[in-house]
Amino acid sequence: MKTLNIPVLAIAFLLCLPAYSFAPLGGGTPPQREVRLSRTASIYLNATEDQLIIDLRKVVHENTQVYIFNVAFGELFRGEWNMEQKSVDISAYPPGLYYVRLQSGDDVYIKKVVKQK
């Protein structure tokens, strides 16, 4: 039985995302649904502690799905949070470009994060 490698799975994951999820990656004006979530959620990297901080305290909907992935390794983290701030330890992740995907109700937002260590 032949298995798929991780980059193929990552590309398949990206292809399953709604088309409007890619607006901030390619530039242009993001759709209204993405703007709502991007204004209420905060995502930033605390590089000194290798922590990715995701603040959902202002998100209107409960049960926000959080995904962290990159093209080389696929999905590295998946969680569901309820209007709170949490951090994800990314010290085990190699340096590179990562994507954080948030989905709350019908709103979807993707943000690029670069780990440089």
Protein backbone atom coordinates (compact mmCIF):
# COMPACT_ATOMS: atom_id res chain seq x y z
CA MET A 1 0.00 0.00 0.00
CA LYS A 2 1.44 3.34 -1.05
CA THR A 3 1.17 6.27 1.38
CA LEU A 4 1.15 9.97 0.57
CA ASN A 5 4.02 12.10 1.79
CA ILE A 6 3.42 15.09 4.03
CA PRO A 7 3.88 17.88 1.41
CA VAL A 8 1.17 16.29 -0.74
CA LEU A 9 -1.15 16.22 2.27
CA ALA A 10 -0.37 19.87 3.04
CA ILE A 11 -1.24 20.91 -0.50
CA ALA A 12 -4.45 18.88 -0.32
CA PHE A 13 -5.32 20.66 2.95
CA LEU A 14 -4.74 24.06 1.34
CA LEU A 15 -6.90 23.12 -1.63
CA CYS A 16 -9.79 22.27 0.72
CA LEU A 17 -9.83 25.79 2.16
CA PRO A 18 -12.45 28.24 0.91
CA ALA A 19 -11.13 30.52 -1.84
CA TYR A 20 -11.63 33.68 0.24
CA SER A 21 -9.14 32.36 2.81
CA PHE A 22 -6.22 33.26 0.55
CA ALA A 23 -6.91 36.99 0.17
CA PRO A 24 -4.32 38.25 2.71
CA LEU A 25 -1.64 35.96 1.25
CA GLY A 26 -2.03 37.28 -2.28
CA GLY A 27 -2.85 40.89 -1.52
CA GLY A 28 -5.95 42.77 -2.55
CA THR A 29 -8.97 43.56 -0.46
CA PRO A 30 -10.08 40.65 1.71
CA PRO A 31 -13.79 39.79 1.79
CA GLN A 32 -15.93 41.20 4.58
CA ARG A 33 -16.14 37.88 6.46
CA GLU A 34 -12.37 37.67 6.72
CA VAL A 35 -12.03 41.31 7.80
CA ARG A 36 -14.39 40.72 10.74
CA LEU A 37 -12.28 37.90 12.12
CA SER A 38 -8.96 39.61 11.42
CA ARG A 39 -10.11 42.64 13.44
CA THR A 40 -11.16 40.59 16.45
CA ALA A 41 -8.45 37.90 16.60
CA SER A 42 -4.83 38.64 17.37
CA ILE A 43 -1.97 36.33 16.35
CA TYR A 44 1.65 37.07 17.15
CA LEU A 45 4.92 35.28 17.80
CA ASN A 46 6.85 35.65 21.05
CA ALA A 47 10.20 34.67 19.53
CA THR A 48 12.16 34.77 22.79
CA GLU A 49 10.00 32.03 24.29
CA ASP A 50 9.08 30.17 21.06
CA GLN A 51 5.39 30.76 21.80
CA LEU A 52 2.73 31.54 19.24
CA ILE A 53 0.09 33.67 20.99
CA ILE A 54 -3.48 33.50 19.70
CA ASP A 55 -5.91 35.89 21.36
CA LEU A 56 -9.58 35.13 20.70
CA ARG A 57 -11.09 37.13 23.57
CA LYS A 58 -12.84 39.56 21.18
CA VAL A 59 -14.11 36.97 18.70
CA VAL A 60 -17.90 37.03 18.48
CA HIS A 61 -18.47 33.31 17.91
CA GLU A 62 -17.56 30.61 20.36
CA ASN A 63 -15.71 27.46 19.34
CA THR A 64 -13.04 28.89 17.07
CA GLN A 65 -11.02 26.22 15.28
CA VAL A 66 -7.27 26.88 15.24
CA TYR A 67 -4.89 25.17 12.80
CA ILE A 68 -1.13 25.63 12.41
CA PHE A 69 0.47 24.19 9.30
CA ASN A 70 3.18 24.66 6.71
CA VAL A 71 3.72 23.27 3.24
CA ALA A 72 6.65 20.99 4.19
CA PHE A 73 5.12 19.32 7.26
CA GLY A 74 1.37 19.72 6.80
CA GLU A 75 -0.88 20.27 9.80
CA LEU A 76 1.14 20.57 13.02
CA PHE A 77 -1.54 21.72 15.45
CA ARG A 78 -5.31 21.60 15.68
CA GLY A 79 -7.48 22.89 18.49
CA GLU A 80 -10.83 24.40 19.33
CA TRP A 81 -10.89 27.36 21.70
CA ASN A 82 -13.66 29.38 23.29
CA MET A 83 -13.04 33.12 23.31
CA GLU A 84 -9.75 33.07 25.23
CA GLN A 85 -6.04 33.71 24.83
CA LYS A 86 -3.72 30.75 24.58
CA SER A 87 -0.19 30.08 23.48
CA VAL A 88 1.18 27.21 21.45
CA ASP A 89 4.73 26.04 22.12
CA ILE A 90 6.49 26.00 18.75
CA SER A 91 10.02 25.32 20.05
CA ALA A 92 10.00 21.87 18.42
CA TYR A 93 9.04 23.31 15.02
CA PRO A 94 11.96 24.04 12.66
CA PRO A 95 12.53 27.59 11.35
CA GLY A 96 10.34 28.49 8.42
CA LEU A 97 7.03 29.87 7.23
CA TYR A 98 3.88 28.73 9.03
CA TYR A 99 0.22 29.51 8.52
CA VAL A 100 -2.31 29.96 11.30
CA ARG A 101 -5.87 29.33 10.14
CA LEU A 102 -8.77 30.46 12.31
CA GLN A 103 -12.36 29.50 11.59
CA SER A 104 -15.16 30.94 13.68
CA GLY A 105 -18.68 30.41 12.43
CA ASP A 106 -18.59 31.33 8.73
CA ASP A 107 -15.52 33.56 9.19
CA VAL A 108 -12.11 32.26 8.13
CA TYR A 109 -8.75 34.01 8.54
CA ILE A 110 -5.24 32.89 7.66
CA LYS A 111 -2.11 34.64 8.87
CA LYS A 112 1.50 33.94 7.92
CA VAL A 113 4.02 33.58 10.75
CA VAL A 114 7.77 33.27 10.25
CA LYS A 115 9.88 31.41 12.81
CA GLN A 116 13.49 32.48 12.41
CA LYS A 117 15.49 30.53 15.00
